[in-house]
Amino acid sequence: MRGTTWRRTAFGVAVGLLVAAAVSRPACAADDGGVEYKARCASCHGESGAGDGPAAAALRTRPSDLRRLAKMNDGVFPQKVLETVIDGRRTIRAHGNFEMPVWGRQLSQSVGDGDAARRIAAIVEYLRSIQVK
């Protein structure tokens, strides 16, 4: 049973990474957080951010509902926390060691640190825009 769970999780992560790679564009506008989100996050977190992406069912822990980040933080949008989670400086225990791709590292290697920071900031601003009241 344990091997099956690991294979299912690995398969889900692989599917999510393939989906993300298939829809990502190397020359995305740094300010288009919605495009970046859909390319890098939606496979697990879902198109709407509800945590219901196509790879979510295969993960050990359901992805967070990113639309409720501010609500779960006493109405304060956790911008700095999100930046550090996305760029890999902070890990989330529920994700384990390998389930959440650290796109900041991948972006930095492919396009340079400044552009990576702008893309991450765009994703964070997009997440701010989808918060439920």
N, C-alpha and C. Protein backbone atom coordinates (compact mmCIF):
# COMPACT_ATOMS: atom_id res chain seq x y z
N MET A 1 0.83 -1.20 0.00
CA MET A 1 0.00 0.00 0.00
C MET A 1 0.86 1.24 0.00
N ARG A 2 1.93 1.25 0.81
CA ARG A 2 2.79 2.42 0.90
C ARG A 2 3.44 2.73 -0.44
N GLY A 3 3.88 1.69 -1.17
CA GLY A 3 4.48 1.89 -2.48
C GLY A 3 3.48 2.45 -3.47
N THR A 4 2.24 2.01 -3.38
CA THR A 4 1.20 2.51 -4.27
C THR A 4 0.95 3.99 -4.02
N THR A 5 0.90 4.38 -2.77
CA THR A 5 0.68 5.79 -2.44
C THR A 5 1.82 6.64 -2.97
N TRP A 6 3.04 6.18 -2.79
CA TRP A 6 4.20 6.93 -3.28
C TRP A 6 4.15 7.06 -4.79
N ARG A 7 3.83 5.95 -5.49
CA ARG A 7 3.76 6.01 -6.96
C ARG A 7 2.66 6.94 -7.42
N ARG A 8 1.52 6.92 -6.74
CA ARG A 8 0.40 7.80 -7.11
C ARG A 8 0.80 9.26 -6.91
N THR A 9 1.49 9.53 -5.80
CA THR A 9 1.95 10.89 -5.54
C THR A 9 2.97 11.32 -6.58
N ALA A 10 3.93 10.45 -6.86
CA ALA A 10 4.95 10.77 -7.87
C ALA A 10 4.30 10.99 -9.23
N PHE A 11 3.31 10.17 -9.57
CA PHE A 11 2.61 10.32 -10.83
C PHE A 11 1.89 11.67 -10.89
N GLY A 12 1.21 12.02 -9.80
CA GLY A 12 0.50 13.31 -9.76
C GLY A 12 1.44 14.48 -9.90
N VAL A 13 2.58 14.41 -9.24
CA VAL A 13 3.57 15.49 -9.35
C VAL A 13 4.08 15.55 -10.78
N ALA A 14 4.37 14.40 -11.37
CA ALA A 14 4.87 14.37 -12.75
C ALA A 14 3.84 14.96 -13.71
N VAL A 15 2.57 14.59 -13.53
CA VAL A 15 1.51 15.15 -14.38
C VAL A 15 1.45 16.67 -14.22
N GLY A 16 1.50 17.12 -12.97
CA GLY A 16 1.46 18.57 -12.73
C GLY A 16 2.62 19.29 -13.38
N LEU A 17 3.81 18.73 -13.29
CA LEU A 17 4.98 19.36 -13.90
C LEU A 17 4.88 19.35 -15.42
N LEU A 18 4.37 18.25 -15.98
CA LEU A 18 4.20 18.20 -17.43
C LEU A 18 3.17 19.21 -17.90
N VAL A 19 2.07 19.33 -17.18
CA VAL A 19 1.05 20.32 -17.53
C VAL A 19 1.65 21.72 -17.46
N ALA A 20 2.37 22.00 -16.40
CA ALA A 20 2.99 23.32 -16.23
C ALA A 20 3.99 23.59 -17.34
N ALA A 21 4.80 22.60 -17.68
CA ALA A 21 5.80 22.79 -18.74
C ALA A 21 5.12 22.98 -20.09
N ALA A 22 4.03 22.27 -20.31
CA ALA A 22 3.34 22.37 -21.59
C ALA A 22 2.70 23.73 -21.81
N VAL A 23 2.22 24.36 -20.74
CA VAL A 23 1.53 25.63 -20.91
C VAL A 23 2.40 26.84 -20.61
N SER A 24 3.61 26.63 -20.08
CA SER A 24 4.44 27.79 -19.77
C SER A 24 5.09 28.31 -21.04
N ARG A 25 5.29 29.62 -21.07
CA ARG A 25 5.94 30.26 -22.20
C ARG A 25 7.19 30.92 -21.68
N PRO A 26 8.34 30.67 -22.31
CA PRO A 26 9.57 31.24 -21.78
C PRO A 26 9.58 32.76 -21.76
N ALA A 27 8.85 33.42 -22.63
CA ALA A 27 8.90 34.87 -22.70
C ALA A 27 7.64 35.53 -22.16
N CYS A 28 7.03 34.98 -21.10
CA CYS A 28 5.84 35.57 -20.50
C CYS A 28 6.13 36.96 -19.98
N ALA A 29 5.17 37.85 -20.09
CA ALA A 29 5.32 39.18 -19.51
C ALA A 29 5.41 39.06 -18.01
N ALA A 30 6.39 39.73 -17.42
CA ALA A 30 6.62 39.62 -15.97
C ALA A 30 5.42 40.11 -15.18
N ASP A 31 4.63 41.02 -15.75
CA ASP A 31 3.50 41.58 -14.99
C ASP A 31 2.21 40.79 -15.20
N ASP A 32 2.24 39.72 -15.92
CA ASP A 32 1.02 38.97 -16.16
C ASP A 32 0.93 37.80 -15.18
N GLY A 33 0.54 38.10 -13.96
CA GLY A 33 0.46 37.09 -12.92
C GLY A 33 -0.54 35.99 -13.20
N GLY A 34 -1.62 36.30 -13.88
CA GLY A 34 -2.61 35.27 -14.22
C GLY A 34 -2.03 34.22 -15.14
N VAL A 35 -1.25 34.66 -16.12
CA VAL A 35 -0.60 33.72 -17.05
C VAL A 35 0.42 32.88 -16.29
N GLU A 36 1.22 33.53 -15.46
CA GLU A 36 2.23 32.80 -14.68
C GLU A 36 1.54 31.81 -13.74
N TYR A 37 0.48 32.23 -13.08
CA TYR A 37 -0.26 31.35 -12.18
C TYR A 37 -0.76 30.12 -12.93
N LYS A 38 -1.41 30.34 -14.06
CA LYS A 38 -1.96 29.21 -14.82
C LYS A 38 -0.86 28.28 -15.30
N ALA A 39 0.30 28.83 -15.65
CA ALA A 39 1.41 28.02 -16.15
C ALA A 39 2.09 27.24 -15.04
N ARG A 40 2.14 27.78 -13.83
CA ARG A 40 2.97 27.17 -12.79
C ARG A 40 2.20 26.64 -11.59
N CYS A 41 0.98 27.09 -11.37
CA CYS A 41 0.29 26.76 -10.12
C CYS A 41 -1.03 26.02 -10.32
N ALA A 42 -1.70 26.26 -11.44
CA ALA A 42 -3.06 25.76 -11.64
C ALA A 42 -3.15 24.24 -11.73
N SER A 43 -2.08 23.56 -12.11
CA SER A 43 -2.17 22.10 -12.21
C SER A 43 -2.49 21.48 -10.85
N CYS A 44 -2.05 22.10 -9.77
CA CYS A 44 -2.38 21.60 -8.43
C CYS A 44 -3.46 22.44 -7.76
N HIS A 45 -3.32 23.77 -7.81
CA HIS A 45 -4.22 24.66 -7.09
C HIS A 45 -5.51 24.97 -7.85
N GLY A 46 -5.60 24.58 -9.11
CA GLY A 46 -6.81 24.79 -9.90
C GLY A 46 -6.85 26.14 -10.58
N GLU A 47 -7.62 26.22 -11.65
CA GLU A 47 -7.75 27.46 -12.41
C GLU A 47 -8.24 28.61 -11.54
N SER A 48 -9.16 28.32 -10.62
CA SER A 48 -9.72 29.37 -9.77
C SER A 48 -8.95 29.58 -8.48
N GLY A 49 -7.99 28.67 -8.19
CA GLY A 49 -7.23 28.77 -6.94
C GLY A 49 -7.85 27.99 -5.79
N ALA A 50 -8.90 27.21 -6.07
CA ALA A 50 -9.63 26.50 -5.03
C ALA A 50 -8.93 25.25 -4.51
N GLY A 51 -7.80 24.87 -5.09
CA GLY A 51 -7.10 23.68 -4.66
C GLY A 51 -7.58 22.43 -5.35
N ASP A 52 -8.22 22.59 -6.52
CA ASP A 52 -8.84 21.46 -7.20
C ASP A 52 -8.29 21.25 -8.61
N GLY A 53 -7.00 21.45 -8.78
CA GLY A 53 -6.38 21.24 -10.09
C GLY A 53 -6.34 19.78 -10.48
N PRO A 54 -6.01 19.49 -11.74
CA PRO A 54 -6.02 18.10 -12.22
C PRO A 54 -5.03 17.18 -11.49
N ALA A 55 -3.96 17.71 -10.94
CA ALA A 55 -2.99 16.88 -10.22
C ALA A 55 -3.30 16.77 -8.72
N ALA A 56 -4.26 17.53 -8.24
CA ALA A 56 -4.55 17.59 -6.80
C ALA A 56 -4.93 16.23 -6.20
N ALA A 57 -5.71 15.45 -6.92
CA ALA A 57 -6.18 14.18 -6.38
C ALA A 57 -5.04 13.20 -6.09
N ALA A 58 -3.94 13.34 -6.79
CA ALA A 58 -2.83 12.42 -6.61
C ALA A 58 -1.88 12.84 -5.49
N LEU A 59 -2.07 14.02 -4.94
CA LEU A 59 -1.17 14.50 -3.90
C LEU A 59 -1.57 14.00 -2.52
N ARG A 60 -0.59 13.83 -1.67
CA ARG A 60 -0.81 13.35 -0.30
C ARG A 60 -1.66 14.34 0.49
N THR A 61 -1.40 15.64 0.31
CA THR A 61 -2.14 16.69 1.00
C THR A 61 -2.81 17.57 -0.05
N ARG A 62 -4.09 17.82 0.15
CA ARG A 62 -4.82 18.66 -0.82
C ARG A 62 -4.18 20.04 -0.87
N PRO A 63 -3.99 20.58 -2.07
CA PRO A 63 -3.44 21.93 -2.18
C PRO A 63 -4.35 22.97 -1.53
N SER A 64 -3.76 24.01 -1.02
CA SER A 64 -4.52 25.07 -0.34
C SER A 64 -5.46 25.78 -1.29
N ASP A 65 -6.55 26.28 -0.71
CA ASP A 65 -7.47 27.16 -1.44
C ASP A 65 -6.83 28.55 -1.39
N LEU A 66 -6.19 28.93 -2.46
CA LEU A 66 -5.45 30.18 -2.50
C LEU A 66 -6.35 31.41 -2.52
N ARG A 67 -7.63 31.22 -2.70
CA ARG A 67 -8.58 32.34 -2.69
C ARG A 67 -8.88 32.79 -1.27
N ARG A 68 -8.50 32.00 -0.28
CA ARG A 68 -8.86 32.27 1.12
C ARG A 68 -7.64 32.63 1.98
N LEU A 69 -6.53 32.97 1.36
CA LEU A 69 -5.31 33.26 2.11
C LEU A 69 -5.50 34.42 3.09
N ALA A 70 -6.07 35.51 2.63
CA ALA A 70 -6.28 36.66 3.52
C ALA A 70 -7.29 36.32 4.61
N LYS A 71 -8.36 35.66 4.24
CA LYS A 71 -9.40 35.30 5.22
C LYS A 71 -8.82 34.41 6.32
N MET A 72 -7.92 33.51 5.95
CA MET A 72 -7.31 32.61 6.93
C MET A 72 -6.22 33.30 7.75
N ASN A 73 -5.90 34.54 7.38
CA ASN A 73 -4.85 35.30 8.06
C ASN A 73 -5.44 36.58 8.66
N ASP A 74 -6.62 36.46 9.25
CA ASP A 74 -7.31 37.59 9.89
C ASP A 74 -7.48 38.79 8.97
N GLY A 75 -7.75 38.52 7.69
CA GLY A 75 -8.01 39.59 6.73
C GLY A 75 -6.77 40.24 6.15
N VAL A 76 -5.61 39.78 6.53
CA VAL A 76 -4.36 40.37 6.02
C VAL A 76 -3.78 39.44 4.96
N PHE A 77 -3.56 39.96 3.77
CA PHE A 77 -2.98 39.17 2.69
C PHE A 77 -1.49 38.94 2.98
N PRO A 78 -1.02 37.69 3.04
CA PRO A 78 0.35 37.38 3.44
C PRO A 78 1.36 37.48 2.29
N GLN A 79 1.56 38.67 1.78
CA GLN A 79 2.40 38.88 0.61
C GLN A 79 3.82 38.34 0.79
N LYS A 80 4.50 38.75 1.85
CA LYS A 80 5.90 38.33 2.06
C LYS A 80 6.02 36.83 2.23
N VAL A 81 5.07 36.23 2.94
CA VAL A 81 5.09 34.78 3.13
C VAL A 81 4.97 34.08 1.77
N LEU A 82 4.04 34.55 0.95
CA LEU A 82 3.86 33.94 -0.37
C LEU A 82 5.12 34.07 -1.21
N GLU A 83 5.75 35.22 -1.19
CA GLU A 83 6.98 35.40 -1.96
C GLU A 83 8.03 34.38 -1.54
N THR A 84 8.18 34.16 -0.25
CA THR A 84 9.21 33.23 0.23
C THR A 84 8.83 31.78 -0.02
N VAL A 85 7.54 31.47 -0.05
CA VAL A 85 7.11 30.11 -0.37
C VAL A 85 7.34 29.83 -1.85
N ILE A 86 6.95 30.77 -2.71
CA ILE A 86 7.09 30.57 -4.14
C ILE A 86 8.55 30.49 -4.56
N ASP A 87 9.40 31.33 -3.99
CA ASP A 87 10.80 31.31 -4.42
C ASP A 87 11.64 30.25 -3.71
N GLY A 88 11.04 29.54 -2.76
CA GLY A 88 11.72 28.41 -2.13
C GLY A 88 12.46 28.72 -0.84
N ARG A 89 12.43 29.98 -0.39
CA ARG A 89 13.11 30.29 0.87
C ARG A 89 12.39 29.72 2.07
N ARG A 90 11.10 29.46 1.92
CA ARG A 90 10.31 28.91 3.02
C ARG A 90 9.56 27.69 2.51
N THR A 91 9.61 26.61 3.25
CA THR A 91 8.89 25.41 2.85
C THR A 91 7.62 25.29 3.69
N ILE A 92 6.66 24.60 3.14
CA ILE A 92 5.39 24.37 3.84
C ILE A 92 5.36 22.90 4.23
N ARG A 93 5.26 22.65 5.50
CA ARG A 93 5.33 21.30 6.04
C ARG A 93 4.33 20.35 5.37
N ALA A 94 3.12 20.82 5.14
CA ALA A 94 2.10 19.96 4.54
C ALA A 94 2.46 19.51 3.14
N HIS A 95 3.32 20.25 2.45
CA HIS A 95 3.72 19.87 1.10
C HIS A 95 4.78 18.80 1.09
N GLY A 96 5.37 18.49 2.21
CA GLY A 96 6.46 17.53 2.23
C GLY A 96 7.69 18.16 1.61
N ASN A 97 8.63 17.35 1.21
CA ASN A 97 9.88 17.86 0.67
C ASN A 97 9.87 18.07 -0.83
N PHE A 98 8.94 17.46 -1.55
CA PHE A 98 9.06 17.49 -3.00
C PHE A 98 7.77 17.76 -3.76
N GLU A 99 6.65 17.89 -3.09
CA GLU A 99 5.40 18.00 -3.82
C GLU A 99 5.18 19.35 -4.48
N MET A 100 5.59 20.44 -3.86
CA MET A 100 5.37 21.75 -4.47
C MET A 100 6.61 22.17 -5.23
N PRO A 101 6.51 22.33 -6.54
CA PRO A 101 7.67 22.79 -7.28
C PRO A 101 8.07 24.19 -6.81
N VAL A 102 9.34 24.41 -6.67
CA VAL A 102 9.83 25.72 -6.26
C VAL A 102 10.17 26.47 -7.54
N TRP A 103 9.19 27.21 -8.03
CA TRP A 103 9.34 27.87 -9.32
C TRP A 103 10.35 29.00 -9.28
N GLY A 104 10.56 29.61 -8.14
CA GLY A 104 11.54 30.69 -8.05
C GLY A 104 12.91 30.23 -8.47
N ARG A 105 13.32 29.07 -8.00
CA ARG A 105 14.63 28.52 -8.35
C ARG A 105 14.69 28.23 -9.84
N GLN A 106 13.65 27.61 -10.38
CA GLN A 106 13.61 27.26 -11.80
C GLN A 106 13.61 28.51 -12.67
N LEU A 107 12.84 29.51 -12.28
CA LEU A 107 12.81 30.76 -13.04
C LEU A 107 14.16 31.47 -13.00
N SER A 108 14.79 31.50 -11.85
CA SER A 108 16.07 32.18 -11.71
C SER A 108 17.12 31.56 -12.61
N GLN A 109 17.12 30.25 -12.73
CA GLN A 109 18.09 29.56 -13.56
C GLN A 109 17.85 29.82 -15.04
N SER A 110 16.60 30.03 -15.42
CA SER A 110 16.31 30.17 -16.84
C SER A 110 16.29 31.61 -17.34
N VAL A 111 15.94 32.57 -16.49
CA VAL A 111 15.77 33.93 -16.99
C VAL A 111 16.47 35.01 -16.16
N GLY A 112 17.12 34.65 -15.10
CA GLY A 112 17.81 35.64 -14.28
C GLY A 112 17.01 36.04 -13.06
N ASP A 113 17.71 36.39 -12.00
CA ASP A 113 17.06 36.68 -10.71
C ASP A 113 16.08 37.84 -10.76
N GLY A 114 16.41 38.93 -11.45
CA GLY A 114 15.52 40.09 -11.49
C GLY A 114 14.19 39.76 -12.13
N ASP A 115 14.23 39.05 -13.26
CA ASP A 115 13.00 38.68 -13.93
C ASP A 115 12.22 37.68 -13.09
N ALA A 116 12.91 36.77 -12.42
CA ALA A 116 12.23 35.80 -11.54
C ALA A 116 11.47 36.54 -10.45
N ALA A 117 12.11 37.52 -9.84
CA ALA A 117 11.46 38.29 -8.77
C ALA A 117 10.22 39.01 -9.30
N ARG A 118 10.30 39.56 -10.50
CA ARG A 118 9.13 40.24 -11.09
C ARG A 118 8.00 39.25 -11.37
N ARG A 119 8.34 38.07 -11.86
CA ARG A 119 7.32 37.07 -12.15
C ARG A 119 6.66 36.58 -10.86
N ILE A 120 7.46 36.36 -9.83
CA ILE A 120 6.91 35.93 -8.54
C ILE A 120 6.01 37.02 -7.97
N ALA A 121 6.44 38.26 -8.07
CA ALA A 121 5.62 39.38 -7.59
C ALA A 121 4.30 39.44 -8.36
N ALA A 122 4.34 39.15 -9.66
CA ALA A 122 3.12 39.15 -10.47
C ALA A 122 2.16 38.05 -10.01
N ILE A 123 2.70 36.88 -9.70
CA ILE A 123 1.86 35.79 -9.20
C ILE A 123 1.22 36.19 -7.87
N VAL A 124 2.01 36.78 -6.99
CA VAL A 124 1.49 37.21 -5.69
C VAL A 124 0.38 38.25 -5.88
N GLU A 125 0.57 39.19 -6.77
CA GLU A 125 -0.48 40.19 -7.02
C GLU A 125 -1.73 39.54 -7.61
N TYR A 126 -1.54 38.56 -8.47
CA TYR A 126 -2.70 37.83 -9.00
C TYR A 126 -3.44 37.14 -7.85
N LEU A 127 -2.70 36.51 -6.96
CA LEU A 127 -3.33 35.84 -5.81
C LEU A 127 -4.09 36.84 -4.95
N ARG A 128 -3.53 38.04 -4.80
CA ARG A 128 -4.24 39.09 -4.05
C ARG A 128 -5.58 39.41 -4.73
N SER A 129 -5.58 39.40 -6.06
CA SER A 129 -6.78 39.77 -6.81
C SER A 129 -7.90 38.73 -6.74
N ILE A 130 -7.57 37.49 -6.37
CA ILE A 130 -8.61 36.45 -6.33
C ILE A 130 -9.09 36.15 -4.92
N GLN A 131 -8.70 36.95 -3.95
CA GLN A 131 -9.11 36.71 -2.56
C GLN A 131 -10.62 36.91 -2.39
N VAL A 132 -11.25 36.00 -1.64
CA VAL A 132 -12.68 36.14 -1.35
C VAL A 132 -12.84 37.13 -0.19
N LYS A 133 -13.92 37.83 -0.20
CA LYS A 133 -14.19 38.83 0.86
C LYS A 133 -14.80 38.18 2.06
